[in-house]
Amino acid sequence: MSDDQHQHEHGRQAHGDDLRAMFTQEFWDERYATSDRIWSGNPNRFLVEEVAGLEPGTAVDVGCGEGADAVWLAGRGWQVTGVDVSGVALERAAGHAAGAGVADRTQWLRADVFAREPIPTGVDLVTAAYVHVPPDDFEAVYRHLAASVAPGGHLVVLAHHPDDAHTGLRNSELSHLLFTPDDVVRVLDPGEWEVVSARVLTRDHEHEGVNHVVSDTVVRARRRA
């Protein structure tokens, strides 16, 4: 999920809703059904920077949405499983993969990682872009994702940083879902993981004709062989 405008709109729509309902298939199927395209269709630029130098292998893209990151990875030679809670999103992602000529290097799995439903294990790369969960569930969810990485493989996590709470782009009632690189690093056992990068990177984002500088959490870690 990489389009800030829709993150903003989604947050406003969720105002006052039960937080747990925001992590269900029903919520996200309805969200995706409101439009033919929710996100930009472009891969996340920080994901591209972190992954471009890696040797392609097997990958799992968690929270893949309409498939932009998964399709980009497949185009780079990765064999990718896109995972999302929304079946509507996955059908759309499969269509985008076919249109890009990478259907043979992609597959799609509906799974609720918030509920720790199984995802493929022993893979060379797990990516999670803007997978924001309640703080009480954060450690369990991200340990679940990290456990899927094979020895020698990488985990890449991207997120909206807490500094964004001051931009007006995020729903203030959901600001506790934003997290820092240190929050991710604390989940990873240093005896098992080497942190390759843990950064806060800024980028320009235009919303309703106004330019904002937003901050992203970017973490890449390698599981020790």
C-alpha atoms as a PDB file:
ATOM      1  CA  MET A   1       0.000   0.000   0.000  1.00  0.00           C
ATOM      2  CA  SER A   2       1.887   2.996  -1.217  1.00  0.00           C
ATOM      3  CA  ASP A   3      -0.492   5.805  -2.182  1.00  0.00           C
ATOM      4  CA  ASP A   4      -0.550   8.470   0.528  1.00  0.00           C
ATOM      5  CA  GLN A   5      -3.673  10.191  -0.703  1.00  0.00           C
ATOM      6  CA  HIS A   6      -5.724   7.080  -0.236  1.00  0.00           C
ATOM      7  CA  GLN A   7      -4.065   6.328   3.095  1.00  0.00           C
ATOM      8  CA  HIS A   8      -5.317   9.760   4.155  1.00  0.00           C
ATOM      9  CA  GLU A   9      -8.819   9.217   2.777  1.00  0.00           C
ATOM     10  CA  HIS A  10      -9.019   5.732   4.254  1.00  0.00           C
ATOM     11  CA  GLY A  11      -8.061   7.064   7.653  1.00  0.00           C
ATOM     12  CA  ARG A  12     -10.792   9.687   7.524  1.00  0.00           C
ATOM     13  CA  GLN A  13     -13.370   7.124   6.484  1.00  0.00           C
ATOM     14  CA  ALA A  14     -12.345   4.897   9.378  1.00  0.00           C
ATOM     15  CA  HIS A  15     -12.883   7.661  11.966  1.00  0.00           C
ATOM     16  CA  GLY A  16     -14.861   6.245  14.850  1.00  0.00           C
ATOM     17  CA  ASP A  17     -14.938   2.721  13.466  1.00  0.00           C
ATOM     18  CA  ASP A  18     -13.894  -0.204  15.577  1.00  0.00           C
ATOM     19  CA  LEU A  19     -10.145  -0.550  15.028  1.00  0.00           C
ATOM     20  CA  ARG A  20     -10.231  -4.319  14.740  1.00  0.00           C
ATOM     21  CA  ALA A  21     -12.739  -4.124  11.901  1.00  0.00           C
ATOM     22  CA  MET A  22     -10.112  -2.342   9.820  1.00  0.00           C
ATOM     23  CA  PHE A  23      -8.091  -5.562   9.560  1.00  0.00           C
ATOM     24  CA  THR A  24     -10.819  -7.813   8.198  1.00  0.00           C
ATOM     25  CA  GLN A  25     -11.373  -9.159   4.699  1.00  0.00           C
ATOM     26  CA  GLU A  26     -14.812  -7.529   4.647  1.00  0.00           C
ATOM     27  CA  PHE A  27     -13.394  -4.064   5.319  1.00  0.00           C
ATOM     28  CA  TRP A  28     -10.706  -4.281   2.637  1.00  0.00           C
ATOM     29  CA  ASP A  29     -12.892  -5.990   0.025  1.00  0.00           C
ATOM     30  CA  GLU A  30     -15.348  -3.128   0.388  1.00  0.00           C
ATOM     31  CA  ARG A  31     -12.510  -0.594   0.264  1.00  0.00           C
ATOM     32  CA  TYR A  32     -11.091  -1.994  -2.978  1.00  0.00           C
ATOM     33  CA  ALA A  33     -14.535  -2.376  -4.523  1.00  0.00           C
ATOM     34  CA  THR A  34     -15.089   1.396  -4.325  1.00  0.00           C
ATOM     35  CA  SER A  35     -12.691   2.064  -7.222  1.00  0.00           C
ATOM     36  CA  ASP A  36     -11.044   0.375 -10.187  1.00  0.00           C
ATOM     37  CA  ARG A  37      -7.660   1.448  -8.793  1.00  0.00           C
ATOM     38  CA  ILE A  38      -6.841   2.494  -5.237  1.00  0.00           C
ATOM     39  CA  TRP A  39      -3.047   2.803  -5.351  1.00  0.00           C
ATOM     40  CA  SER A  40      -0.697   4.417  -7.867  1.00  0.00           C
ATOM     41  CA  GLY A  41       0.382   1.224  -9.645  1.00  0.00           C
ATOM     42  CA  ASN A  42       4.050   2.126  -9.172  1.00  0.00           C
ATOM     43  CA  PRO A  43       6.462   0.138  -6.989  1.00  0.00           C
ATOM     44  CA  ASN A  44       7.558   1.782  -3.778  1.00  0.00           C
ATOM     45  CA  ARG A  45      10.775   3.640  -4.541  1.00  0.00           C
ATOM     46  CA  PHE A  46      12.408   2.730  -1.222  1.00  0.00           C
ATOM     47  CA  LEU A  47      11.639  -0.941  -1.841  1.00  0.00           C
ATOM     48  CA  VAL A  48      13.290  -0.597  -5.244  1.00  0.00           C
ATOM     49  CA  GLU A  49      16.390   0.942  -3.626  1.00  0.00           C
ATOM     50  CA  GLU A  50      16.657  -1.780  -0.978  1.00  0.00           C
ATOM     51  CA  VAL A  51      16.043  -4.761  -3.251  1.00  0.00           C
ATOM     52  CA  ALA A  52      17.618  -3.743  -6.562  1.00  0.00           C
ATOM     53  CA  GLY A  53      21.042  -5.148  -5.619  1.00  0.00           C
ATOM     54  CA  LEU A  54      19.785  -8.512  -4.360  1.00  0.00           C
ATOM     55  CA  GLU A  55      20.035 -11.716  -6.366  1.00  0.00           C
ATOM     56  CA  PRO A  56      16.479 -12.717  -7.405  1.00  0.00           C
ATOM     57  CA  GLY A  57      14.996 -15.784  -5.749  1.00  0.00           C
ATOM     58  CA  THR A  58      11.705 -16.482  -3.984  1.00  0.00           C
ATOM     59  CA  ALA A  59       9.770 -13.643  -2.389  1.00  0.00           C
ATOM     60  CA  VAL A  60       6.622 -12.972  -0.393  1.00  0.00           C
ATOM     61  CA  ASP A  61       5.041  -9.518  -0.607  1.00  0.00           C
ATOM     62  CA  VAL A  62       2.802  -9.066   2.439  1.00  0.00           C
ATOM     63  CA  GLY A  63      -0.062  -6.612   2.121  1.00  0.00           C
ATOM     64  CA  CYS A  64       0.464  -6.619  -1.636  1.00  0.00           C
ATOM     65  CA  GLY A  65      -2.760  -4.793  -2.443  1.00  0.00           C
ATOM     66  CA  GLU A  66      -3.132  -4.353  -6.195  1.00  0.00           C
ATOM     67  CA  GLY A  67       0.270  -5.911  -6.764  1.00  0.00           C
ATOM     68  CA  ALA A  68       2.585  -3.074  -7.850  1.00  0.00           C
ATOM     69  CA  ASP A  69       5.544  -4.196  -5.722  1.00  0.00           C
ATOM     70  CA  ALA A  70       5.002  -7.892  -6.482  1.00  0.00           C
ATOM     71  CA  VAL A  71       4.784  -7.226 -10.229  1.00  0.00           C
ATOM     72  CA  TRP A  72       7.977  -5.156 -10.102  1.00  0.00           C
ATOM     73  CA  LEU A  73       9.786  -7.926  -8.230  1.00  0.00           C
ATOM     74  CA  ALA A  74       8.581 -10.526 -10.732  1.00  0.00           C
ATOM     75  CA  GLY A  75       9.803  -8.322 -13.541  1.00  0.00           C
ATOM     76  CA  ARG A  76      13.229  -8.380 -11.912  1.00  0.00           C
ATOM     77  CA  GLY A  77      13.248 -12.185 -11.958  1.00  0.00           C
ATOM     78  CA  TRP A  78      11.821 -12.987  -8.530  1.00  0.00           C
ATOM     79  CA  GLN A  79       9.276 -15.773  -8.047  1.00  0.00           C
ATOM     80  CA  VAL A  80       6.719 -13.890  -5.954  1.00  0.00           C
ATOM     81  CA  THR A  81       3.754 -14.763  -3.781  1.00  0.00           C
ATOM     82  CA  GLY A  82       1.575 -11.738  -3.136  1.00  0.00           C
ATOM     83  CA  VAL A  83      -0.332 -11.955   0.153  1.00  0.00           C
ATOM     84  CA  ASP A  84      -3.312  -9.837   1.118  1.00  0.00           C
ATOM     85  CA  VAL A  85      -6.427 -10.138   3.247  1.00  0.00           C
ATOM     86  CA  SER A  86      -8.586  -8.883   0.370  1.00  0.00           C
ATOM     87  CA  GLY A  87      -9.660 -11.254  -2.368  1.00  0.00           C
ATOM     88  CA  VAL A  88     -10.767  -8.271  -4.464  1.00  0.00           C
ATOM     89  CA  ALA A  89      -7.246  -6.824  -4.322  1.00  0.00           C
ATOM     90  CA  LEU A  90      -5.683 -10.157  -5.229  1.00  0.00           C
ATOM     91  CA  GLU A  91      -7.882 -10.593  -8.304  1.00  0.00           C
ATOM     92  CA  ARG A  92      -6.841  -7.125  -9.430  1.00  0.00           C
ATOM     93  CA  ALA A  93      -3.173  -7.888  -8.730  1.00  0.00           C
ATOM     94  CA  ALA A  94      -3.346 -11.071 -10.793  1.00  0.00           C
ATOM     95  CA  GLY A  95      -4.740  -9.060 -13.675  1.00  0.00           C
ATOM     96  CA  HIS A  96      -1.923  -6.532 -13.423  1.00  0.00           C
ATOM     97  CA  ALA A  97       0.643  -9.349 -13.375  1.00  0.00           C
ATOM     98  CA  ALA A  98      -0.863 -10.869 -16.500  1.00  0.00           C
ATOM     99  CA  GLY A  99      -0.858  -7.479 -18.211  1.00  0.00           C
ATOM    100  CA  ALA A 100       2.822  -7.042 -17.340  1.00  0.00           C
ATOM    101  CA  GLY A 101       3.690 -10.489 -18.696  1.00  0.00           C
ATOM    102  CA  VAL A 102       4.787 -11.923 -15.338  1.00  0.00           C
ATOM    103  CA  ALA A 103       1.855 -14.183 -14.480  1.00  0.00           C
ATOM    104  CA  ASP A 104       4.176 -17.198 -14.593  1.00  0.00           C
ATOM    105  CA  ARG A 105       6.358 -15.672 -11.846  1.00  0.00           C
ATOM    106  CA  THR A 106       3.537 -14.652  -9.516  1.00  0.00           C
ATOM    107  CA  GLN A 107       0.987 -16.368  -7.365  1.00  0.00           C
ATOM    108  CA  TRP A 108      -1.538 -14.916  -4.942  1.00  0.00           C
ATOM    109  CA  LEU A 109      -2.593 -15.974  -1.466  1.00  0.00           C
ATOM    110  CA  ARG A 110      -5.435 -14.604   0.637  1.00  0.00           C
ATOM    111  CA  ALA A 111      -4.204 -14.663   4.212  1.00  0.00           C
ATOM    112  CA  ASP A 112      -4.774 -12.566   7.311  1.00  0.00           C
ATOM    113  CA  VAL A 113      -1.343 -11.906   8.801  1.00  0.00           C
ATOM    114  CA  PHE A 114      -3.002  -9.905  11.568  1.00  0.00           C
ATOM    115  CA  ALA A 115      -4.448 -13.263  12.684  1.00  0.00           C
ATOM    116  CA  ARG A 116      -1.078 -14.939  11.916  1.00  0.00           C
ATOM    117  CA  GLU A 117      -2.536 -17.144   9.186  1.00  0.00           C
ATOM    118  CA  PRO A 118       0.172 -19.162   7.397  1.00  0.00           C
ATOM    119  CA  ILE A 119       2.223 -17.657   4.608  1.00  0.00           C
ATOM    120  CA  PRO A 120       5.024 -19.320   2.608  1.00  0.00           C
ATOM    121  CA  THR A 121       8.201 -19.998   4.575  1.00  0.00           C
ATOM    122  CA  GLY A 122      11.841 -20.532   3.646  1.00  0.00           C
ATOM    123  CA  VAL A 123      11.832 -17.698   1.106  1.00  0.00           C
ATOM    124  CA  ASP A 124      14.692 -15.412   0.113  1.00  0.00           C
ATOM    125  CA  LEU A 125      12.807 -12.163   0.617  1.00  0.00           C
ATOM    126  CA  VAL A 126       9.810 -10.996   2.626  1.00  0.00           C
ATOM    127  CA  THR A 127       8.565  -7.466   2.023  1.00  0.00           C
ATOM    128  CA  ALA A 128       5.899  -5.580   3.974  1.00  0.00           C
ATOM    129  CA  ALA A 129       5.003  -2.060   2.865  1.00  0.00           C
ATOM    130  CA  TYR A 130       2.746  -0.028   5.162  1.00  0.00           C
ATOM    131  CA  VAL A 131       1.469  -3.025   7.101  1.00  0.00           C
ATOM    132  CA  HIS A 132       0.365  -1.073  10.177  1.00  0.00           C
ATOM    133  CA  VAL A 133      -1.134  -3.026  13.058  1.00  0.00           C
ATOM    134  CA  PRO A 134      -2.094  -2.128  16.645  1.00  0.00           C
ATOM    135  CA  PRO A 135       0.907  -1.855  19.011  1.00  0.00           C
ATOM    136  CA  ASP A 136      -0.283  -4.809  21.098  1.00  0.00           C
ATOM    137  CA  ASP A 137      -0.067  -7.019  18.003  1.00  0.00           C
ATOM    138  CA  PHE A 138       3.031  -5.497  16.419  1.00  0.00           C
ATOM    139  CA  GLU A 139       5.675  -7.849  17.787  1.00  0.00           C
ATOM    140  CA  ALA A 140       3.686 -11.013  17.074  1.00  0.00           C
ATOM    141  CA  VAL A 141       2.813  -9.963  13.517  1.00  0.00           C
ATOM    142  CA  TYR A 142       6.345  -8.949  12.568  1.00  0.00           C
ATOM    143  CA  ARG A 143       7.877 -12.024  14.166  1.00  0.00           C
ATOM    144  CA  HIS A 144       5.443 -14.025  12.071  1.00  0.00           C
ATOM    145  CA  LEU A 145       6.675 -12.291   8.903  1.00  0.00           C
ATOM    146  CA  ALA A 146      10.339 -12.604   9.856  1.00  0.00           C
ATOM    147  CA  ALA A 147       9.950 -16.332  10.505  1.00  0.00           C
ATOM    148  CA  SER A 148       9.200 -16.855   6.810  1.00  0.00           C
ATOM    149  CA  VAL A 149      12.658 -15.694   5.723  1.00  0.00           C
ATOM    150  CA  ALA A 150      15.195 -18.409   4.910  1.00  0.00           C
ATOM    151  CA  PRO A 151      18.729 -18.246   6.367  1.00  0.00           C
ATOM    152  CA  GLY A 152      20.662 -15.794   4.210  1.00  0.00           C
ATOM    153  CA  GLY A 153      17.434 -14.121   3.075  1.00  0.00           C
ATOM    154  CA  HIS A 154      16.171 -10.596   3.688  1.00  0.00           C
ATOM    155  CA  LEU A 155      13.248  -8.881   5.392  1.00  0.00           C
ATOM    156  CA  VAL A 156      12.284  -5.423   4.093  1.00  0.00           C
ATOM    157  CA  VAL A 157       9.796  -3.327   6.072  1.00  0.00           C
ATOM    158  CA  LEU A 158       8.460   0.067   4.978  1.00  0.00           C
ATOM    159  CA  ALA A 159       6.054   2.179   7.015  1.00  0.00           C
ATOM    160  CA  HIS A 160       4.757   5.647   7.680  1.00  0.00           C
ATOM    161  CA  HIS A 161       6.951   7.137  10.424  1.00  0.00           C
ATOM    162  CA  PRO A 162       5.432   8.751  13.553  1.00  0.00           C
ATOM    163  CA  ASP A 163       6.753  12.153  12.412  1.00  0.00           C
ATOM    164  CA  ASP A 164       3.938  12.089   9.862  1.00  0.00           C
ATOM    165  CA  ALA A 165       1.433  12.638  12.667  1.00  0.00           C
ATOM    166  CA  HIS A 166       2.296  16.341  12.374  1.00  0.00           C
ATOM    167  CA  THR A 167       1.652  16.635   8.623  1.00  0.00           C
ATOM    168  CA  GLY A 168      -2.133  16.442   8.779  1.00  0.00           C
ATOM    169  CA  LEU A 169      -2.052  13.574   6.269  1.00  0.00           C
ATOM    170  CA  ARG A 170      -2.715  10.839   8.825  1.00  0.00           C
ATOM    171  CA  ASN A 171      -5.862  10.294  10.829  1.00  0.00           C
ATOM    172  CA  SER A 172      -4.914  11.464  14.332  1.00  0.00           C
ATOM    173  CA  GLU A 173      -6.920   8.607  15.864  1.00  0.00           C
ATOM    174  CA  LEU A 174      -4.666   6.120  14.050  1.00  0.00           C
ATOM    175  CA  SER A 175      -1.320   7.792  14.738  1.00  0.00           C
ATOM    176  CA  HIS A 176      -0.456   5.083  17.275  1.00  0.00           C
ATOM    177  CA  LEU A 177      -0.185   2.640  14.356  1.00  0.00           C
ATOM    178  CA  LEU A 178       2.833   4.484  12.905  1.00  0.00           C
ATOM    179  CA  PHE A 179       6.218   3.038  13.849  1.00  0.00           C
ATOM    180  CA  THR A 180       9.950   3.672  13.763  1.00  0.00           C
ATOM    181  CA  PRO A 181      12.893   1.638  12.450  1.00  0.00           C
ATOM    182  CA  ASP A 182      13.816   0.843  16.065  1.00  0.00           C
ATOM    183  CA  ASP A 183      10.394  -0.726  16.587  1.00  0.00           C
ATOM    184  CA  VAL A 184      11.185  -3.205  13.813  1.00  0.00           C
ATOM    185  CA  VAL A 185      14.768  -3.819  14.912  1.00  0.00           C
ATOM    186  CA  ARG A 186      13.628  -4.642  18.462  1.00  0.00           C
ATOM    187  CA  VAL A 187      11.563  -7.538  17.090  1.00  0.00           C
ATOM    188  CA  LEU A 188      14.625  -9.149  15.471  1.00  0.00           C
ATOM    189  CA  ASP A 189      16.980 -11.305  17.531  1.00  0.00           C
ATOM    190  CA  PRO A 190      20.479  -9.853  16.936  1.00  0.00           C
ATOM    191  CA  GLY A 191      21.929 -13.351  17.153  1.00  0.00           C
ATOM    192  CA  GLU A 192      19.770 -14.341  14.193  1.00  0.00           C
ATOM    193  CA  TRP A 193      19.558 -11.109  12.201  1.00  0.00           C
ATOM    194  CA  GLU A 194      22.000  -8.569  10.777  1.00  0.00           C
ATOM    195  CA  VAL A 195      20.378  -5.166  10.303  1.00  0.00           C
ATOM    196  CA  VAL A 196      21.585  -3.879   6.935  1.00  0.00           C
ATOM    197  CA  SER A 197      19.714  -0.569   7.039  1.00  0.00           C
ATOM    198  CA  ALA A 198      17.370   1.108   9.502  1.00  0.00           C
ATOM    199  CA  ARG A 199      16.589   4.592   8.276  1.00  0.00           C
ATOM    200  CA  VAL A 200      14.028   7.375   8.273  1.00  0.00           C
ATOM    201  CA  LEU A 201      13.791   8.724   4.733  1.00  0.00           C
ATOM    202  CA  THR A 202      11.790  11.738   3.570  1.00  0.00           C
ATOM    203  CA  ARG A 203      10.019  12.354   0.298  1.00  0.00           C
ATOM    204  CA  ASP A 204       7.771  14.997  -1.207  1.00  0.00           C
ATOM    205  CA  HIS A 205       4.084  14.247  -1.467  1.00  0.00           C
ATOM    206  CA  GLU A 206       1.415  16.472  -2.974  1.00  0.00           C
ATOM    207  CA  HIS A 207      -2.059  16.310  -1.442  1.00  0.00           C
ATOM    208  CA  GLU A 208      -4.922  18.541  -2.597  1.00  0.00           C
ATOM    209  CA  GLY A 209      -2.493  20.921  -4.294  1.00  0.00           C
ATOM    210  CA  VAL A 210      -0.254  21.294  -1.244  1.00  0.00           C
ATOM    211  CA  ASN A 211       3.237  19.793  -1.092  1.00  0.00           C
ATOM    212  CA  HIS A 212       4.162  17.950   2.091  1.00  0.00           C
ATOM    213  CA  VAL A 213       7.384  16.346   3.229  1.00  0.00           C
ATOM    214  CA  VAL A 214       6.554  12.911   4.618  1.00  0.00           C
ATOM    215  CA  SER A 215       8.774  10.461   6.461  1.00  0.00           C
ATOM    216  CA  ASP A 216       9.053   6.719   5.932  1.00  0.00           C
ATOM    217  CA  THR A 217      10.496   4.006   8.125  1.00  0.00           C
ATOM    218  CA  VAL A 218      12.806   1.809   6.010  1.00  0.00           C
ATOM    219  CA  VAL A 219      14.371  -1.359   7.413  1.00  0.00           C
ATOM    220  CA  ARG A 220      16.237  -4.157   5.674  1.00  0.00           C
ATOM    221  CA  ALA A 221      17.641  -7.068   7.681  1.00  0.00           C
ATOM    222  CA  ARG A 222      19.419 -10.233   6.626  1.00  0.00           C
ATOM    223  CA  ARG A 223      18.793 -13.505   8.425  1.00  0.00           C
ATOM    224  CA  ARG A 224      22.135 -15.001   9.368  1.00  0.00           C
ATOM    225  CA  ALA A 225      22.965 -18.221   7.525  1.00  0.00           C
END
